[in-house]
Every structure is written in structure tokens, then in C-alpha cells.
Amino acid sequence: MSTEARARIETQRREDLDRLARQAERAGVRILVDRRRGQHVATSASDPAVCYLVDADAGCSCLGFTSAGKCQHHSLLLAELGLIPETAEERSAALAQDACDEADAAYEVAMDGVIASGRGWPSAPAEAGRIAA
């Protein structure tokens, strides 16, 4: 399988998980934690008396996950845990943003040094208007 095909599949999976998580939120699905057992439980959108066991790795006990391998409950859990995988484009954008953030931080440190040495920007508007000869 080509890299391009893998990227399309990865993007489609991410979009599916995002879409299902948003549907779950709109439908009122809630993710609860059973602290005694350390398990996540998802409420049913259609029946408030029903809950499903949901696990980031194992999936969900609902019929939708059992038959289709994905569901709103599981997608919402993944979204809440920050486990929906990024696409290659999102990873590249995040890396580029990190590089910009590092450059900004280096610039701020450099400017702090210039200002601390007294060679900073003019402090009064009158000084700013003067042109050095």
C-alpha cells in the first residue's frame, strides 16, 4: 500500500472518530468513571437507564461497536482522553508550530537581553521620532 493511500485511510479514520464523538456530544452521551473498578462507562443516548463499558483499547460493549468496530461511545472516550490520532498533516503543522514557538522564545530572550543592557527600544515617543545622523 502506498504512503498516500495510508495517509488517506488515516485521515478518514480520524474524521470518522471526530464525527462520531461530536454526534455523541450532541446526543447527550456522557463518559463516567467507575473509580472503584477503574473503568469508563458511557451513557446511552437513547435510554437513560442503560450504560456501556467502554475502554480505549478494547472498545465498547454496545451493539454498534460489536457490529461495526466503532461507535459514538468509544469515539467520545478517545476524544476526551486525547487519543484520537493526528493525521500526517496535523503532525507536520504541530512540528512547524513548535519550531515557530521556539524561535519566538529565543527572540524574546534576545530582546530581554538587549532591553536589560539599555540598548532597547526608545522609551518615549519623542525619542522614537528622532533619526540618528
N, C-alpha and C. Protein backbone atom coordinates (compact mmCIF):
# COMPACT_ATOMS: atom_id res chain seq x y z
N MET A 1 0.84 -1.17 0.00
CA MET A 1 0.00 0.00 0.00
C MET A 1 0.89 1.24 0.00
N SER A 2 0.53 2.20 -0.82
CA SER A 2 1.35 3.41 -0.94
C SER A 2 1.20 4.31 0.29
N THR A 3 2.15 5.18 0.45
CA THR A 3 2.13 6.14 1.56
C THR A 3 0.91 7.04 1.45
N GLU A 4 0.58 7.43 0.22
CA GLU A 4 -0.58 8.28 0.01
C GLU A 4 -1.88 7.58 0.42
N ALA A 5 -2.00 6.30 0.09
CA ALA A 5 -3.19 5.54 0.46
C ALA A 5 -3.28 5.40 1.98
N ARG A 6 -2.15 5.16 2.64
CA ARG A 6 -2.14 5.07 4.11
C ARG A 6 -2.58 6.39 4.73
N ALA A 7 -2.10 7.49 4.17
CA ALA A 7 -2.45 8.81 4.68
C ALA A 7 -3.94 9.07 4.52
N ARG A 8 -4.52 8.66 3.40
CA ARG A 8 -5.96 8.84 3.19
C ARG A 8 -6.76 8.02 4.20
N ILE A 9 -6.33 6.79 4.44
CA ILE A 9 -7.01 5.93 5.41
C ILE A 9 -6.92 6.52 6.81
N GLU A 10 -5.73 6.99 7.17
CA GLU A 10 -5.51 7.60 8.48
C GLU A 10 -6.40 8.84 8.65
N THR A 11 -6.47 9.66 7.62
CA THR A 11 -7.30 10.87 7.66
C THR A 11 -8.77 10.50 7.78
N GLN A 12 -9.21 9.50 7.04
CA GLN A 12 -10.61 9.07 7.09
C GLN A 12 -10.96 8.54 8.47
N ARG A 13 -10.06 7.76 9.06
CA ARG A 13 -10.32 7.22 10.40
C ARG A 13 -10.45 8.35 11.42
N ARG A 14 -9.56 9.31 11.34
CA ARG A 14 -9.60 10.46 12.25
C ARG A 14 -10.91 11.22 12.08
N GLU A 15 -11.30 11.47 10.84
CA GLU A 15 -12.55 12.19 10.58
C GLU A 15 -13.75 11.42 11.10
N ASP A 16 -13.75 10.09 10.93
CA ASP A 16 -14.84 9.26 11.44
C ASP A 16 -14.94 9.35 12.96
N LEU A 17 -13.79 9.24 13.63
CA LEU A 17 -13.79 9.32 15.09
C LEU A 17 -14.24 10.70 15.56
N ASP A 18 -13.78 11.75 14.91
CA ASP A 18 -14.21 13.11 15.26
C ASP A 18 -15.72 13.26 15.08
N ARG A 19 -16.22 12.80 13.95
CA ARG A 19 -17.65 12.91 13.64
C ARG A 19 -18.48 12.16 14.68
N LEU A 20 -18.09 10.93 14.98
CA LEU A 20 -18.82 10.13 15.97
C LEU A 20 -18.77 10.76 17.36
N ALA A 21 -17.63 11.32 17.73
CA ALA A 21 -17.51 11.98 19.04
C ALA A 21 -18.43 13.19 19.11
N ARG A 22 -18.49 13.98 18.04
CA ARG A 22 -19.40 15.15 18.02
C ARG A 22 -20.85 14.71 18.09
N GLN A 23 -21.20 13.63 17.37
CA GLN A 23 -22.56 13.11 17.43
C GLN A 23 -22.91 12.68 18.85
N ALA A 24 -21.97 12.05 19.51
CA ALA A 24 -22.20 11.60 20.89
C ALA A 24 -22.46 12.79 21.80
N GLU A 25 -21.66 13.84 21.65
CA GLU A 25 -21.85 15.04 22.47
C GLU A 25 -23.22 15.65 22.24
N ARG A 26 -23.62 15.77 20.96
CA ARG A 26 -24.92 16.35 20.64
C ARG A 26 -26.06 15.50 21.17
N ALA A 27 -25.87 14.18 21.19
CA ALA A 27 -26.91 13.26 21.65
C ALA A 27 -26.98 13.18 23.17
N GLY A 28 -26.00 13.76 23.85
CA GLY A 28 -26.01 13.76 25.31
C GLY A 28 -25.29 12.59 25.96
N VAL A 29 -24.49 11.87 25.18
CA VAL A 29 -23.72 10.76 25.74
C VAL A 29 -22.69 11.33 26.72
N ARG A 30 -22.54 10.68 27.85
CA ARG A 30 -21.57 11.11 28.86
C ARG A 30 -20.62 9.97 29.16
N ILE A 31 -19.37 10.30 29.41
CA ILE A 31 -18.39 9.31 29.83
C ILE A 31 -18.21 9.48 31.33
N LEU A 32 -18.43 8.40 32.06
CA LEU A 32 -18.29 8.40 33.52
C LEU A 32 -17.17 7.44 33.89
N VAL A 33 -16.62 7.62 35.08
CA VAL A 33 -15.54 6.75 35.54
C VAL A 33 -15.99 6.03 36.81
N ASP A 34 -15.92 4.71 36.77
CA ASP A 34 -16.15 3.91 37.97
C ASP A 34 -14.79 3.82 38.67
N ARG A 35 -14.59 4.65 39.65
CA ARG A 35 -13.28 4.75 40.30
C ARG A 35 -12.91 3.48 41.08
N ARG A 36 -13.89 2.77 41.58
CA ARG A 36 -13.58 1.54 42.31
C ARG A 36 -12.98 0.48 41.39
N ARG A 37 -13.49 0.41 40.18
CA ARG A 37 -13.00 -0.59 39.23
C ARG A 37 -12.00 -0.02 38.23
N GLY A 38 -11.91 1.30 38.16
CA GLY A 38 -11.01 1.91 37.19
C GLY A 38 -11.48 1.75 35.77
N GLN A 39 -12.80 1.69 35.58
CA GLN A 39 -13.36 1.51 34.24
C GLN A 39 -14.15 2.74 33.82
N HIS A 40 -14.22 2.93 32.50
CA HIS A 40 -15.05 4.00 31.95
C HIS A 40 -16.40 3.41 31.57
N VAL A 41 -17.44 4.21 31.76
CA VAL A 41 -18.80 3.82 31.42
C VAL A 41 -19.39 4.95 30.59
N ALA A 42 -20.09 4.58 29.52
CA ALA A 42 -20.75 5.58 28.68
C ALA A 42 -22.26 5.44 28.80
N THR A 43 -22.94 6.58 28.91
CA THR A 43 -24.39 6.53 28.96
C THR A 43 -24.93 6.31 27.55
N SER A 44 -26.13 5.77 27.48
CA SER A 44 -26.79 5.56 26.21
C SER A 44 -27.53 6.84 25.82
N ALA A 45 -27.48 7.20 24.55
CA ALA A 45 -28.20 8.38 24.07
C ALA A 45 -29.69 8.11 23.99
N SER A 46 -30.07 6.87 23.77
CA SER A 46 -31.49 6.55 23.56
C SER A 46 -32.20 6.06 24.82
N ASP A 47 -31.47 5.54 25.80
CA ASP A 47 -32.09 5.01 27.01
C ASP A 47 -31.28 5.42 28.23
N PRO A 48 -31.79 6.36 29.03
CA PRO A 48 -31.01 6.86 30.17
C PRO A 48 -30.72 5.81 31.24
N ALA A 49 -31.42 4.68 31.19
CA ALA A 49 -31.19 3.62 32.17
C ALA A 49 -30.09 2.66 31.76
N VAL A 50 -29.51 2.85 30.57
CA VAL A 50 -28.51 1.93 30.04
C VAL A 50 -27.15 2.60 29.99
N CYS A 51 -26.14 1.85 30.39
CA CYS A 51 -24.74 2.29 30.27
C CYS A 51 -23.93 1.17 29.64
N TYR A 52 -22.84 1.54 29.00
CA TYR A 52 -21.96 0.57 28.35
C TYR A 52 -20.56 0.69 28.92
N LEU A 53 -19.89 -0.45 29.09
CA LEU A 53 -18.48 -0.42 29.44
C LEU A 53 -17.71 0.00 28.20
N VAL A 54 -16.80 0.94 28.36
CA VAL A 54 -16.03 1.42 27.22
C VAL A 54 -14.58 1.55 27.65
N ASP A 55 -13.69 1.09 26.76
CA ASP A 55 -12.26 1.08 27.05
C ASP A 55 -11.52 1.57 25.81
N ALA A 56 -10.51 2.39 26.00
CA ALA A 56 -9.78 2.96 24.87
C ALA A 56 -9.18 1.87 23.99
N ASP A 57 -8.71 0.78 24.58
CA ASP A 57 -8.09 -0.29 23.80
C ASP A 57 -9.09 -1.37 23.36
N ALA A 58 -9.95 -1.78 24.27
CA ALA A 58 -10.85 -2.91 24.00
C ALA A 58 -12.12 -2.52 23.25
N GLY A 59 -12.50 -1.23 23.29
CA GLY A 59 -13.70 -0.81 22.59
C GLY A 59 -14.87 -0.58 23.51
N CYS A 60 -16.07 -0.94 23.04
CA CYS A 60 -17.31 -0.65 23.76
C CYS A 60 -18.20 -1.88 23.74
N SER A 61 -19.02 -2.01 24.77
CA SER A 61 -19.91 -3.17 24.86
C SER A 61 -21.23 -2.95 24.13
N CYS A 62 -21.41 -1.82 23.44
CA CYS A 62 -22.66 -1.57 22.73
C CYS A 62 -22.74 -2.39 21.43
N LEU A 63 -23.95 -2.52 20.92
CA LEU A 63 -24.18 -3.28 19.69
C LEU A 63 -23.48 -2.63 18.50
N GLY A 64 -23.45 -1.29 18.46
CA GLY A 64 -22.80 -0.59 17.34
C GLY A 64 -21.33 -0.94 17.22
N PHE A 65 -20.61 -0.95 18.35
CA PHE A 65 -19.19 -1.29 18.29
C PHE A 65 -19.00 -2.76 17.95
N THR A 66 -19.87 -3.60 18.51
CA THR A 66 -19.77 -5.04 18.25
C THR A 66 -19.95 -5.35 16.76
N SER A 67 -20.86 -4.62 16.11
CA SER A 67 -21.13 -4.91 14.70
C SER A 67 -20.25 -4.12 13.72
N ALA A 68 -19.90 -2.88 14.07
CA ALA A 68 -19.18 -2.03 13.12
C ALA A 68 -17.73 -1.74 13.50
N GLY A 69 -17.36 -2.05 14.75
CA GLY A 69 -15.99 -1.80 15.18
C GLY A 69 -15.73 -0.35 15.57
N LYS A 70 -16.79 0.47 15.57
CA LYS A 70 -16.68 1.85 16.05
C LYS A 70 -18.07 2.31 16.49
N CYS A 71 -18.08 3.25 17.42
CA CYS A 71 -19.35 3.77 17.92
C CYS A 71 -19.13 5.15 18.53
N GLN A 72 -20.23 5.81 18.85
CA GLN A 72 -20.16 7.14 19.45
C GLN A 72 -19.51 7.10 20.82
N HIS A 73 -19.83 6.07 21.61
CA HIS A 73 -19.31 5.98 22.97
C HIS A 73 -17.78 5.89 22.98
N HIS A 74 -17.26 4.98 22.17
CA HIS A 74 -15.82 4.76 22.11
C HIS A 74 -15.12 6.00 21.54
N SER A 75 -15.70 6.59 20.50
CA SER A 75 -15.10 7.78 19.89
C SER A 75 -15.06 8.94 20.88
N LEU A 76 -16.14 9.10 21.66
CA LEU A 76 -16.16 10.17 22.66
C LEU A 76 -15.11 9.93 23.73
N LEU A 77 -14.95 8.69 24.17
CA LEU A 77 -13.91 8.38 25.16
C LEU A 77 -12.53 8.72 24.60
N LEU A 78 -12.26 8.30 23.37
CA LEU A 78 -10.96 8.61 22.76
C LEU A 78 -10.74 10.12 22.68
N ALA A 79 -11.78 10.85 22.30
CA ALA A 79 -11.66 12.31 22.21
C ALA A 79 -11.39 12.92 23.59
N GLU A 80 -12.11 12.46 24.60
CA GLU A 80 -11.92 13.02 25.95
C GLU A 80 -10.54 12.68 26.52
N LEU A 81 -10.00 11.54 26.13
CA LEU A 81 -8.67 11.15 26.60
C LEU A 81 -7.55 11.72 25.73
N GLY A 82 -7.92 12.39 24.64
CA GLY A 82 -6.92 12.94 23.73
C GLY A 82 -6.22 11.87 22.92
N LEU A 83 -6.92 10.78 22.62
CA LEU A 83 -6.30 9.65 21.95
C LEU A 83 -6.69 9.49 20.48
N ILE A 84 -7.43 10.44 19.94
CA ILE A 84 -7.72 10.34 18.51
C ILE A 84 -6.44 10.70 17.78
N PRO A 85 -5.94 9.78 16.96
CA PRO A 85 -4.63 10.01 16.32
C PRO A 85 -4.67 11.20 15.38
N GLU A 86 -3.55 11.90 15.31
CA GLU A 86 -3.41 13.02 14.39
C GLU A 86 -3.12 12.51 13.00
N THR A 87 -3.53 13.29 12.01
CA THR A 87 -3.16 12.96 10.64
C THR A 87 -1.73 13.42 10.40
N ALA A 88 -1.14 12.97 9.33
CA ALA A 88 0.24 13.37 8.99
C ALA A 88 0.32 14.89 8.82
N GLU A 89 -0.72 15.49 8.20
CA GLU A 89 -0.72 16.94 8.01
C GLU A 89 -0.75 17.66 9.35
N GLU A 90 -1.56 17.16 10.29
CA GLU A 90 -1.65 17.79 11.62
C GLU A 90 -0.33 17.67 12.37
N ARG A 91 0.33 16.52 12.24
CA ARG A 91 1.64 16.36 12.88
C ARG A 91 2.65 17.34 12.31
N SER A 92 2.64 17.52 10.97
CA SER A 92 3.55 18.46 10.33
C SER A 92 3.27 19.89 10.79
N ALA A 93 1.99 20.24 10.86
CA ALA A 93 1.62 21.58 11.31
C ALA A 93 2.04 21.80 12.76
N ALA A 94 1.88 20.79 13.60
CA ALA A 94 2.27 20.90 15.01
C ALA A 94 3.78 21.07 15.13
N LEU A 95 4.55 20.33 14.33
CA LEU A 95 6.00 20.47 14.35
C LEU A 95 6.42 21.86 13.90
N ALA A 96 5.76 22.38 12.86
CA ALA A 96 6.08 23.72 12.37
C ALA A 96 5.74 24.76 13.44
N GLN A 97 4.60 24.56 14.13
CA GLN A 97 4.22 25.49 15.19
C GLN A 97 5.22 25.45 16.33
N ASP A 98 5.68 24.25 16.69
CA ASP A 98 6.70 24.12 17.74
C ASP A 98 7.97 24.87 17.36
N ALA A 99 8.38 24.76 16.10
CA ALA A 99 9.59 25.46 15.64
C ALA A 99 9.40 26.97 15.73
N CYS A 100 8.21 27.45 15.36
CA CYS A 100 7.92 28.89 15.47
C CYS A 100 7.91 29.33 16.93
N ASP A 101 7.33 28.52 17.80
CA ASP A 101 7.29 28.85 19.22
C ASP A 101 8.71 28.95 19.79
N GLU A 102 9.57 28.02 19.39
CA GLU A 102 10.96 28.04 19.86
C GLU A 102 11.68 29.29 19.35
N ALA A 103 11.44 29.66 18.10
CA ALA A 103 12.05 30.86 17.54
C ALA A 103 11.55 32.11 18.27
N ASP A 104 10.24 32.15 18.57
CA ASP A 104 9.68 33.27 19.32
C ASP A 104 10.31 33.37 20.70
N ALA A 105 10.47 32.23 21.37
CA ALA A 105 11.07 32.23 22.71
C ALA A 105 12.51 32.72 22.65
N ALA A 106 13.26 32.28 21.65
CA ALA A 106 14.65 32.72 21.50
C ALA A 106 14.71 34.22 21.24
N TYR A 107 13.78 34.73 20.44
CA TYR A 107 13.73 36.16 20.14
C TYR A 107 13.43 36.95 21.42
N GLU A 108 12.46 36.46 22.21
CA GLU A 108 12.11 37.15 23.46
C GLU A 108 13.30 37.19 24.42
N VAL A 109 14.02 36.08 24.52
CA VAL A 109 15.20 36.05 25.39
C VAL A 109 16.24 37.04 24.88
N ALA A 110 16.46 37.07 23.57
CA ALA A 110 17.43 38.00 22.99
C ALA A 110 17.00 39.44 23.24
N MET A 111 15.71 39.73 23.05
CA MET A 111 15.21 41.09 23.27
C MET A 111 15.29 41.47 24.74
N ASP A 112 15.03 40.53 25.65
CA ASP A 112 15.18 40.82 27.08
C ASP A 112 16.61 41.24 27.38
N GLY A 113 17.59 40.59 26.76
CA GLY A 113 18.99 40.93 26.96
C GLY A 113 19.32 42.30 26.42
N VAL A 114 18.76 42.64 25.26
CA VAL A 114 19.01 43.96 24.66
C VAL A 114 18.40 45.04 25.53
N ILE A 115 17.16 44.83 25.96
CA ILE A 115 16.48 45.83 26.77
C ILE A 115 17.18 45.97 28.13
N ALA A 116 17.58 44.87 28.73
CA ALA A 116 18.27 44.92 30.02
C ALA A 116 19.60 45.66 29.92
N SER A 117 20.23 45.64 28.75
CA SER A 117 21.53 46.31 28.60
C SER A 117 21.38 47.80 28.31
N GLY A 118 20.14 48.26 28.17
CA GLY A 118 19.93 49.67 27.89
C GLY A 118 19.94 50.00 26.42
N ARG A 119 20.07 49.00 25.56
CA ARG A 119 20.10 49.25 24.11
C ARG A 119 18.74 48.92 23.48
N GLY A 120 17.69 48.95 24.29
CA GLY A 120 16.36 48.55 23.82
C GLY A 120 15.68 49.61 23.00
N TRP A 121 14.41 49.43 22.80
CA TRP A 121 13.60 50.36 22.03
C TRP A 121 13.54 51.70 22.74
N PRO A 122 13.35 52.78 22.00
CA PRO A 122 13.21 54.09 22.64
C PRO A 122 12.06 54.07 23.63
N SER A 123 12.24 54.73 24.78
CA SER A 123 11.22 54.66 25.82
C SER A 123 10.17 55.74 25.69
N ALA A 124 10.45 56.85 25.02
CA ALA A 124 9.48 57.92 24.90
C ALA A 124 9.18 58.17 23.43
N PRO A 125 7.95 58.63 23.13
CA PRO A 125 7.60 58.89 21.73
C PRO A 125 8.52 59.90 21.07
N ALA A 126 9.01 60.88 21.81
CA ALA A 126 9.91 61.88 21.22
C ALA A 126 11.19 61.22 20.74
N GLU A 127 11.72 60.29 21.52
CA GLU A 127 12.94 59.58 21.11
C GLU A 127 12.69 58.74 19.88
N ALA A 128 11.49 58.17 19.78
CA ALA A 128 11.17 57.32 18.64
C ALA A 128 11.14 58.11 17.35
N GLY A 129 10.80 59.40 17.44
CA GLY A 129 10.69 60.21 16.23
C GLY A 129 12.03 60.72 15.72
N ARG A 130 13.06 60.68 16.55
CA ARG A 130 14.37 61.18 16.13
C ARG A 130 15.05 60.20 15.19
N ILE A 131 15.73 60.74 14.24
CA ILE A 131 16.50 59.90 13.32
C ILE A 131 17.97 60.12 13.64
N ALA A 132 18.67 59.05 13.78
CA ALA A 132 20.11 59.14 14.07
C ALA A 132 20.84 59.62 12.83
N ALA A 133 21.80 60.49 13.06
CA ALA A 133 22.58 61.02 11.93
C ALA A 133 23.79 60.20 11.66
